[in-house]
């Protein structure tokens, strides 16, 4: 067992609340596993008692790591490290300019993949979560849009992650809207006066540096785009210019694409 694991609280007390398809949830569980920390895994999407336990804590979103009646949100691995008093450090984030480049590349790719889906499959729920390719491809772009909005001091609210595309929108509508989000990202970066992104912005898990929020936005969008590619393969399509490890290098992505 490594040093981080020996410094952790009693493993039987640790609970992780998560749901399938959630990128931050998968990342949190993989992180704890790599640290050698055992935990109770609670799927709140498929376990009503788990949902009730999460609500009893006072938390309204996942992922959450809990110790007794105390908990932390896991949007930042740093928060998990502090909460569990682990003697480890995450990999430093990429510089802001590199994060912008990767995010713009991911958004361009996601628009391309969105256009590849067959019409029927596009609206079908995928695997063990009620999320469709239409909803997920939209979500990738919405994550990026919310990241850009945070730079303008518009609060990053978790309810925004649950938004869905208008029911009348087809694949082309979502792809075109996503391309407009990409344009907003690049326009913001072109006019950003503080390219260190050291200033704080409001989020539902506290005020954070814009650099931290941008990193989360980039890897969050990238992870879900990996899932879009998986959906496309399930639709019988050959992914047009799939994202590679080199394209995503430096982003703190989970190892797995989808949490079963």
C-alpha atoms as a PDB file:
ATOM      1  CA  UNK A   1       0.000   0.000   0.000  1.00  0.00           C
ATOM      2  CA  UNK A   2       1.392   3.414  -0.895  1.00  0.00           C
ATOM      3  CA  UNK A   3       1.931   6.376   1.410  1.00  0.00           C
ATOM      4  CA  UNK A   4      -1.264   8.105   0.357  1.00  0.00           C
ATOM      5  CA  UNK A   5      -3.341   5.078   1.298  1.00  0.00           C
ATOM      6  CA  UNK A   6      -1.736   4.740   4.727  1.00  0.00           C
ATOM      7  CA  UNK A   7      -2.554   8.383   5.452  1.00  0.00           C
ATOM      8  CA  UNK A   8      -6.219   8.018   4.493  1.00  0.00           C
ATOM      9  CA  UNK A   9      -9.092   7.713   6.969  1.00  0.00           C
ATOM     10  CA  UNK A  10     -10.518   4.273   7.715  1.00  0.00           C
ATOM     11  CA  UNK A  11     -11.599   2.939   4.342  1.00  0.00           C
ATOM     12  CA  UNK A  12     -14.929   1.530   5.573  1.00  0.00           C
ATOM     13  CA  UNK A  13     -16.099   5.072   6.337  1.00  0.00           C
ATOM     14  CA  UNK A  14     -15.532   6.392   2.806  1.00  0.00           C
ATOM     15  CA  UNK A  15     -18.494   6.562   0.433  1.00  0.00           C
ATOM     16  CA  UNK A  16     -18.417   7.714  -3.190  1.00  0.00           C
ATOM     17  CA  UNK A  17     -21.730   8.826  -4.692  1.00  0.00           C
ATOM     18  CA  UNK A  18     -21.718   8.708  -8.501  1.00  0.00           C
ATOM     19  CA  UNK A  19     -23.782   7.982 -11.616  1.00  0.00           C
ATOM     20  CA  UNK A  20     -22.988   6.207 -14.896  1.00  0.00           C
ATOM     21  CA  UNK A  21     -21.545   8.316 -17.694  1.00  0.00           C
ATOM     22  CA  UNK A  22     -20.378  11.038 -15.274  1.00  0.00           C
ATOM     23  CA  UNK A  23     -16.814  11.998 -16.183  1.00  0.00           C
ATOM     24  CA  UNK A  24     -15.917  13.494 -12.796  1.00  0.00           C
ATOM     25  CA  UNK A  25     -17.367  10.439 -11.039  1.00  0.00           C
ATOM     26  CA  UNK A  26     -15.228   8.048 -13.049  1.00  0.00           C
ATOM     27  CA  UNK A  27     -12.145  10.199 -12.526  1.00  0.00           C
ATOM     28  CA  UNK A  28     -12.733  10.303  -8.754  1.00  0.00           C
ATOM     29  CA  UNK A  29     -13.141   6.539  -8.414  1.00  0.00           C
ATOM     30  CA  UNK A  30     -10.070   5.862 -10.539  1.00  0.00           C
ATOM     31  CA  UNK A  31      -8.048   8.331  -8.465  1.00  0.00           C
ATOM     32  CA  UNK A  32      -9.017   6.686  -5.169  1.00  0.00           C
ATOM     33  CA  UNK A  33      -8.321   3.236  -6.568  1.00  0.00           C
ATOM     34  CA  UNK A  34      -4.848   4.319  -7.717  1.00  0.00           C
ATOM     35  CA  UNK A  35      -4.206   5.607  -4.198  1.00  0.00           C
ATOM     36  CA  UNK A  36      -5.065   2.170  -2.802  1.00  0.00           C
ATOM     37  CA  UNK A  37      -8.125   3.489  -0.978  1.00  0.00           C
ATOM     38  CA  UNK A  38     -11.183   1.273  -0.587  1.00  0.00           C
ATOM     39  CA  UNK A  39     -14.599   2.893  -0.660  1.00  0.00           C
ATOM     40  CA  UNK A  40     -18.297   2.124  -0.846  1.00  0.00           C
ATOM     41  CA  UNK A  41     -19.492   2.807  -4.390  1.00  0.00           C
ATOM     42  CA  UNK A  42     -23.047   4.199  -4.530  1.00  0.00           C
ATOM     43  CA  UNK A  43     -24.720   4.610  -7.946  1.00  0.00           C
ATOM     44  CA  UNK A  44     -27.376   7.238  -7.255  1.00  0.00           C
ATOM     45  CA  UNK A  45     -28.878   6.881 -10.735  1.00  0.00           C
ATOM     46  CA  UNK A  46     -29.870   3.250 -10.250  1.00  0.00           C
ATOM     47  CA  UNK A  47     -30.057   3.008  -6.435  1.00  0.00           C
ATOM     48  CA  UNK A  48     -33.003   4.827  -4.764  1.00  0.00           C
ATOM     49  CA  UNK A  49     -31.522   4.259  -1.305  1.00  0.00           C
ATOM     50  CA  UNK A  50     -28.273   5.777  -2.539  1.00  0.00           C
ATOM     51  CA  UNK A  51     -30.125   8.846  -3.795  1.00  0.00           C
ATOM     52  CA  UNK A  52     -31.791   9.180  -0.397  1.00  0.00           C
ATOM     53  CA  UNK A  53     -28.426   8.903   1.363  1.00  0.00           C
ATOM     54  CA  UNK A  54     -26.984  11.624  -0.863  1.00  0.00           C
ATOM     55  CA  UNK A  55     -29.957  13.873  -0.136  1.00  0.00           C
ATOM     56  CA  UNK A  56     -29.548  13.223   3.587  1.00  0.00           C
ATOM     57  CA  UNK A  57     -26.042  14.632   3.361  1.00  0.00           C
ATOM     58  CA  UNK A  58     -27.452  17.822   1.845  1.00  0.00           C
ATOM     59  CA  UNK A  59     -25.702  17.354  -1.501  1.00  0.00           C
ATOM     60  CA  UNK A  60     -27.596  17.770  -4.755  1.00  0.00           C
ATOM     61  CA  UNK A  61     -25.051  16.671  -7.336  1.00  0.00           C
ATOM     62  CA  UNK A  62     -22.338  14.082  -7.886  1.00  0.00           C
ATOM     63  CA  UNK A  63     -19.598  13.069  -7.531  1.00  0.00           C
ATOM     64  CA  UNK A  64     -19.398  13.322  -3.771  1.00  0.00           C
ATOM     65  CA  UNK A  65     -16.924  11.699  -1.377  1.00  0.00           C
ATOM     66  CA  UNK A  66     -18.341  11.350   2.124  1.00  0.00           C
ATOM     67  CA  UNK A  67     -16.975  10.495   5.554  1.00  0.00           C
ATOM     68  CA  UNK A  68     -19.857  10.074   7.949  1.00  0.00           C
ATOM     69  CA  UNK A  69     -21.995  13.205   7.701  1.00  0.00           C
ATOM     70  CA  UNK A  70     -19.233  15.282   6.079  1.00  0.00           C
ATOM     71  CA  UNK A  71     -18.610  15.408   2.357  1.00  0.00           C
ATOM     72  CA  UNK A  72     -16.831  17.168  -0.460  1.00  0.00           C
ATOM     73  CA  UNK A  73     -17.696  17.709  -4.096  1.00  0.00           C
ATOM     74  CA  UNK A  74     -15.141  16.139  -6.418  1.00  0.00           C
ATOM     75  CA  UNK A  75     -15.039  18.546  -9.339  1.00  0.00           C
ATOM     76  CA  UNK A  76     -11.450  19.175  -8.285  1.00  0.00           C
ATOM     77  CA  UNK A  77      -9.173  16.318  -7.255  1.00  0.00           C
ATOM     78  CA  UNK A  78      -7.434  18.847  -5.003  1.00  0.00           C
ATOM     79  CA  UNK A  79     -10.629  18.983  -2.925  1.00  0.00           C
ATOM     80  CA  UNK A  80     -10.589  15.197  -2.538  1.00  0.00           C
ATOM     81  CA  UNK A  81      -6.921  15.272  -1.520  1.00  0.00           C
ATOM     82  CA  UNK A  82      -7.585  17.916   1.128  1.00  0.00           C
ATOM     83  CA  UNK A  83     -10.771  16.264   2.388  1.00  0.00           C
ATOM     84  CA  UNK A  84      -9.102  12.880   2.885  1.00  0.00           C
ATOM     85  CA  UNK A  85      -5.788  14.423   3.978  1.00  0.00           C
ATOM     86  CA  UNK A  86      -3.836  12.491   1.359  1.00  0.00           C
ATOM     87  CA  UNK A  87      -0.096  12.952   0.996  1.00  0.00           C
ATOM     88  CA  UNK A  88      -0.121  13.213  -2.760  1.00  0.00           C
ATOM     89  CA  UNK A  89      -0.330  15.932  -5.388  1.00  0.00           C
ATOM     90  CA  UNK A  90      -2.141  16.023  -8.737  1.00  0.00           C
ATOM     91  CA  UNK A  91      -0.290  16.702 -11.969  1.00  0.00           C
ATOM     92  CA  UNK A  92       0.032  20.475 -12.577  1.00  0.00           C
ATOM     93  CA  UNK A  93      -2.447  21.782 -15.165  1.00  0.00           C
ATOM     94  CA  UNK A  94      -1.433  22.643 -18.697  1.00  0.00           C
ATOM     95  CA  UNK A  95      -0.843  26.351 -19.400  1.00  0.00           C
ATOM     96  CA  UNK A  96      -4.060  28.223 -20.292  1.00  0.00           C
ATOM     97  CA  UNK A  97      -3.132  28.628 -23.970  1.00  0.00           C
ATOM     98  CA  UNK A  98      -2.621  24.873 -24.340  1.00  0.00           C
ATOM     99  CA  UNK A  99      -5.965  24.192 -22.644  1.00  0.00           C
ATOM    100  CA  UNK A 100      -7.737  26.560 -25.037  1.00  0.00           C
ATOM    101  CA  UNK A 101      -6.140  24.822 -28.041  1.00  0.00           C
ATOM    102  CA  UNK A 102      -7.174  21.385 -26.834  1.00  0.00           C
ATOM    103  CA  UNK A 103     -10.701  22.489 -26.009  1.00  0.00           C
ATOM    104  CA  UNK A 104     -11.145  24.140 -29.409  1.00  0.00           C
ATOM    105  CA  UNK A 105      -9.871  20.962 -31.092  1.00  0.00           C
ATOM    106  CA  UNK A 106     -12.292  18.812 -29.073  1.00  0.00           C
ATOM    107  CA  UNK A 107     -15.265  21.034 -29.935  1.00  0.00           C
ATOM    108  CA  UNK A 108     -14.416  20.891 -33.618  1.00  0.00           C
ATOM    109  CA  UNK A 109     -14.230  17.101 -33.413  1.00  0.00           C
ATOM    110  CA  UNK A 110     -17.497  16.801 -31.504  1.00  0.00           C
ATOM    111  CA  UNK A 111     -19.334  18.833 -34.154  1.00  0.00           C
ATOM    112  CA  UNK A 112     -17.953  16.445 -36.773  1.00  0.00           C
ATOM    113  CA  UNK A 113     -19.075  13.371 -34.826  1.00  0.00           C
ATOM    114  CA  UNK A 114     -22.514  14.820 -34.103  1.00  0.00           C
ATOM    115  CA  UNK A 115     -23.201  14.984 -37.829  1.00  0.00           C
ATOM    116  CA  UNK A 116     -22.396  11.266 -38.255  1.00  0.00           C
ATOM    117  CA  UNK A 117     -25.233   9.799 -36.183  1.00  0.00           C
ATOM    118  CA  UNK A 118     -28.214   8.111 -37.767  1.00  0.00           C
ATOM    119  CA  UNK A 119     -31.456   9.938 -37.002  1.00  0.00           C
ATOM    120  CA  UNK A 120     -33.062   7.134 -34.969  1.00  0.00           C
ATOM    121  CA  UNK A 121     -29.982   6.249 -32.882  1.00  0.00           C
ATOM    122  CA  UNK A 122     -29.401   9.932 -32.127  1.00  0.00           C
ATOM    123  CA  UNK A 123     -32.458  10.004 -29.836  1.00  0.00           C
ATOM    124  CA  UNK A 124     -32.041   6.569 -28.201  1.00  0.00           C
ATOM    125  CA  UNK A 125     -30.898   6.325 -24.539  1.00  0.00           C
ATOM    126  CA  UNK A 126     -27.447   4.775 -24.264  1.00  0.00           C
ATOM    127  CA  UNK A 127     -26.464   2.032 -21.822  1.00  0.00           C
ATOM    128  CA  UNK A 128     -27.312   2.428 -18.145  1.00  0.00           C
ATOM    129  CA  UNK A 129     -28.102   6.119 -18.031  1.00  0.00           C
ATOM    130  CA  UNK A 130     -30.938   8.048 -19.600  1.00  0.00           C
ATOM    131  CA  UNK A 131     -28.675  10.048 -21.897  1.00  0.00           C
ATOM    132  CA  UNK A 132     -28.931  10.030 -25.676  1.00  0.00           C
ATOM    133  CA  UNK A 133     -26.274  10.866 -28.289  1.00  0.00           C
ATOM    134  CA  UNK A 134     -28.240  14.070 -28.912  1.00  0.00           C
ATOM    135  CA  UNK A 135     -28.114  14.963 -25.228  1.00  0.00           C
ATOM    136  CA  UNK A 136     -24.453  14.072 -24.819  1.00  0.00           C
ATOM    137  CA  UNK A 137     -23.208  15.886 -27.917  1.00  0.00           C
ATOM    138  CA  UNK A 138     -25.157  18.954 -26.752  1.00  0.00           C
ATOM    139  CA  UNK A 139     -23.689  18.527 -23.257  1.00  0.00           C
ATOM    140  CA  UNK A 140     -20.118  18.699 -24.591  1.00  0.00           C
ATOM    141  CA  UNK A 141     -20.818  22.117 -26.078  1.00  0.00           C
ATOM    142  CA  UNK A 142     -22.795  23.311 -23.048  1.00  0.00           C
ATOM    143  CA  UNK A 143     -19.883  22.433 -20.741  1.00  0.00           C
ATOM    144  CA  UNK A 144     -17.610  24.594 -22.890  1.00  0.00           C
ATOM    145  CA  UNK A 145     -20.119  27.429 -23.054  1.00  0.00           C
ATOM    146  CA  UNK A 146     -20.460  27.456 -19.268  1.00  0.00           C
ATOM    147  CA  UNK A 147     -16.678  27.583 -18.949  1.00  0.00           C
ATOM    148  CA  UNK A 148     -16.519  30.663 -21.171  1.00  0.00           C
ATOM    149  CA  UNK A 149     -19.385  32.247 -19.253  1.00  0.00           C
ATOM    150  CA  UNK A 150     -17.491  31.714 -15.984  1.00  0.00           C
ATOM    151  CA  UNK A 151     -14.669  33.859 -17.370  1.00  0.00           C
ATOM    152  CA  UNK A 152     -17.251  36.657 -17.581  1.00  0.00           C
ATOM    153  CA  UNK A 153     -18.219  36.096 -13.914  1.00  0.00           C
ATOM    154  CA  UNK A 154     -21.426  34.234 -14.770  1.00  0.00           C
ATOM    155  CA  UNK A 155     -21.769  31.609 -12.048  1.00  0.00           C
ATOM    156  CA  UNK A 156     -21.070  28.020 -13.045  1.00  0.00           C
ATOM    157  CA  UNK A 157     -24.202  26.238 -11.756  1.00  0.00           C
ATOM    158  CA  UNK A 158     -24.588  22.463 -11.685  1.00  0.00           C
ATOM    159  CA  UNK A 159     -28.134  22.732 -13.060  1.00  0.00           C
ATOM    160  CA  UNK A 160     -26.604  23.820 -16.349  1.00  0.00           C
ATOM    161  CA  UNK A 161     -25.098  20.369 -16.829  1.00  0.00           C
ATOM    162  CA  UNK A 162     -28.599  18.864 -16.904  1.00  0.00           C
ATOM    163  CA  UNK A 163     -29.840  21.054 -19.734  1.00  0.00           C
ATOM    164  CA  UNK A 164     -30.968  19.314 -22.916  1.00  0.00           C
ATOM    165  CA  UNK A 165     -31.195  20.522 -26.515  1.00  0.00           C
ATOM    166  CA  UNK A 166     -34.559  21.770 -27.778  1.00  0.00           C
ATOM    167  CA  UNK A 167     -36.581  18.705 -28.865  1.00  0.00           C
ATOM    168  CA  UNK A 168     -36.852  19.957 -32.433  1.00  0.00           C
ATOM    169  CA  UNK A 169     -33.071  20.254 -32.856  1.00  0.00           C
ATOM    170  CA  UNK A 170     -31.513  17.726 -35.191  1.00  0.00           C
ATOM    171  CA  UNK A 171     -27.864  16.725 -35.362  1.00  0.00           C
ATOM    172  CA  UNK A 172     -27.023  19.590 -37.713  1.00  0.00           C
ATOM    173  CA  UNK A 173     -28.623  22.127 -35.368  1.00  0.00           C
ATOM    174  CA  UNK A 174     -26.550  20.903 -32.415  1.00  0.00           C
ATOM    175  CA  UNK A 175     -23.360  20.797 -34.485  1.00  0.00           C
ATOM    176  CA  UNK A 176     -23.830  24.354 -35.758  1.00  0.00           C
ATOM    177  CA  UNK A 177     -24.592  25.639 -32.277  1.00  0.00           C
ATOM    178  CA  UNK A 178     -21.481  23.868 -31.025  1.00  0.00           C
ATOM    179  CA  UNK A 179     -19.404  25.591 -33.676  1.00  0.00           C
ATOM    180  CA  UNK A 180     -20.747  28.932 -32.427  1.00  0.00           C
ATOM    181  CA  UNK A 181     -19.644  27.983 -28.897  1.00  0.00           C
ATOM    182  CA  UNK A 182     -16.169  27.210 -30.240  1.00  0.00           C
ATOM    183  CA  UNK A 183     -16.101  30.650 -31.883  1.00  0.00           C
ATOM    184  CA  UNK A 184     -17.048  32.257 -28.548  1.00  0.00           C
ATOM    185  CA  UNK A 185     -14.212  30.383 -26.834  1.00  0.00           C
ATOM    186  CA  UNK A 186     -11.641  31.638 -29.328  1.00  0.00           C
ATOM    187  CA  UNK A 187     -13.030  35.186 -29.254  1.00  0.00           C
ATOM    188  CA  UNK A 188     -12.840  35.253 -25.451  1.00  0.00           C
ATOM    189  CA  UNK A 189      -9.246  34.032 -25.505  1.00  0.00           C
ATOM    190  CA  UNK A 190      -8.239  36.548 -28.167  1.00  0.00           C
ATOM    191  CA  UNK A 191      -9.516  39.403 -26.003  1.00  0.00           C
ATOM    192  CA  UNK A 192      -8.573  38.010 -22.573  1.00  0.00           C
ATOM    193  CA  UNK A 193      -6.409  40.601 -20.794  1.00  0.00           C
ATOM    194  CA  UNK A 194      -5.117  38.283 -18.047  1.00  0.00           C
ATOM    195  CA  UNK A 195      -3.810  35.199 -19.818  1.00  0.00           C
ATOM    196  CA  UNK A 196      -2.526  33.703 -16.585  1.00  0.00           C
ATOM    197  CA  UNK A 197      -6.214  33.177 -15.697  1.00  0.00           C
ATOM    198  CA  UNK A 198      -5.272  33.577 -12.049  1.00  0.00           C
ATOM    199  CA  UNK A 199      -8.444  35.528 -11.231  1.00  0.00           C
ATOM    200  CA  UNK A 200     -11.303  33.843  -9.358  1.00  0.00           C
ATOM    201  CA  UNK A 201     -14.696  32.987 -10.861  1.00  0.00           C
ATOM    202  CA  UNK A 202     -17.932  31.808  -9.168  1.00  0.00           C
ATOM    203  CA  UNK A 203     -18.875  28.117  -9.269  1.00  0.00           C
ATOM    204  CA  UNK A 204     -21.330  25.940  -7.353  1.00  0.00           C
ATOM    205  CA  UNK A 205     -18.372  24.395  -5.503  1.00  0.00           C
ATOM    206  CA  UNK A 206     -16.866  27.742  -4.464  1.00  0.00           C
ATOM    207  CA  UNK A 207     -14.788  30.493  -6.047  1.00  0.00           C
ATOM    208  CA  UNK A 208     -11.974  29.002  -8.111  1.00  0.00           C
ATOM    209  CA  UNK A 209      -9.248  30.311 -10.352  1.00  0.00           C
ATOM    210  CA  UNK A 210     -10.257  30.581 -13.994  1.00  0.00           C
ATOM    211  CA  UNK A 211      -7.221  28.436 -14.824  1.00  0.00           C
ATOM    212  CA  UNK A 212      -8.667  25.597 -12.732  1.00  0.00           C
ATOM    213  CA  UNK A 213     -12.116  26.035 -14.278  1.00  0.00           C
ATOM    214  CA  UNK A 214     -10.659  26.044 -17.786  1.00  0.00           C
ATOM    215  CA  UNK A 215      -8.753  22.820 -17.108  1.00  0.00           C
ATOM    216  CA  UNK A 216     -11.919  21.168 -15.807  1.00  0.00           C
ATOM    217  CA  UNK A 217     -13.883  22.473 -18.803  1.00  0.00           C
ATOM    218  CA  UNK A 218     -11.313  21.113 -21.267  1.00  0.00           C
ATOM    219  CA  UNK A 219     -10.989  17.613 -19.840  1.00  0.00           C
ATOM    220  CA  UNK A 220     -14.724  17.386 -19.057  1.00  0.00           C
ATOM    221  CA  UNK A 221     -15.616  18.166 -22.684  1.00  0.00           C
ATOM    222  CA  UNK A 222     -12.883  15.834 -23.940  1.00  0.00           C
ATOM    223  CA  UNK A 223     -14.046  12.899 -21.818  1.00  0.00           C
ATOM    224  CA  UNK A 224     -17.623  13.243 -23.012  1.00  0.00           C
ATOM    225  CA  UNK A 225     -16.422  13.503 -26.605  1.00  0.00           C
ATOM    226  CA  UNK A 226     -14.654  10.167 -26.093  1.00  0.00           C
ATOM    227  CA  UNK A 227     -18.074   8.851 -25.038  1.00  0.00           C
ATOM    228  CA  UNK A 228     -19.664  10.335 -28.160  1.00  0.00           C
ATOM    229  CA  UNK A 229     -17.130   8.361 -30.212  1.00  0.00           C
ATOM    230  CA  UNK A 230     -18.131   5.199 -28.324  1.00  0.00           C
ATOM    231  CA  UNK A 231     -21.772   5.910 -29.092  1.00  0.00           C
ATOM    232  CA  UNK A 232     -20.939   6.390 -32.764  1.00  0.00           C
ATOM    233  CA  UNK A 233     -19.213   3.020 -32.893  1.00  0.00           C
ATOM    234  CA  UNK A 234     -22.312   1.472 -31.296  1.00  0.00           C
ATOM    235  CA  UNK A 235     -24.335   3.098 -34.083  1.00  0.00           C
ATOM    236  CA  UNK A 236     -22.187   1.166 -36.579  1.00  0.00           C
ATOM    237  CA  UNK A 237     -20.326   4.236 -37.839  1.00  0.00           C
ATOM    238  CA  UNK A 238     -16.644   4.645 -38.504  1.00  0.00           C
ATOM    239  CA  UNK A 239     -15.566   7.653 -36.439  1.00  0.00           C
ATOM    240  CA  UNK A 240     -14.340  10.450 -38.680  1.00  0.00           C
ATOM    241  CA  UNK A 241     -10.812  11.345 -37.503  1.00  0.00           C
ATOM    242  CA  UNK A 242     -11.094  10.046 -33.928  1.00  0.00           C
ATOM    243  CA  UNK A 243      -9.362  11.862 -31.111  1.00  0.00           C
ATOM    244  CA  UNK A 244      -5.993  10.352 -30.217  1.00  0.00           C
ATOM    245  CA  UNK A 245      -3.962  10.243 -27.018  1.00  0.00           C
ATOM    246  CA  UNK A 246      -1.696  12.879 -28.556  1.00  0.00           C
ATOM    247  CA  UNK A 247      -4.642  15.206 -29.172  1.00  0.00           C
ATOM    248  CA  UNK A 248      -5.572  15.015 -25.491  1.00  0.00           C
ATOM    249  CA  UNK A 249      -2.095  14.882 -23.979  1.00  0.00           C
ATOM    250  CA  UNK A 250      -1.818  16.675 -20.658  1.00  0.00           C
ATOM    251  CA  UNK A 251      -5.522  16.567 -19.816  1.00  0.00           C
ATOM    252  CA  UNK A 252      -6.310  14.673 -16.573  1.00  0.00           C
ATOM    253  CA  UNK A 253      -8.719  12.235 -18.198  1.00  0.00           C
ATOM    254  CA  UNK A 254      -9.991   8.990 -16.661  1.00  0.00           C
ATOM    255  CA  UNK A 255      -8.493   5.807 -18.088  1.00  0.00           C
ATOM    256  CA  UNK A 256     -11.903   4.370 -18.971  1.00  0.00           C
ATOM    257  CA  UNK A 257     -14.371   5.975 -21.360  1.00  0.00           C
ATOM    258  CA  UNK A 258     -17.619   4.895 -19.695  1.00  0.00           C
ATOM    259  CA  UNK A 259     -18.287   3.740 -16.151  1.00  0.00           C
ATOM    260  CA  UNK A 260     -20.328   0.586 -16.290  1.00  0.00           C
END
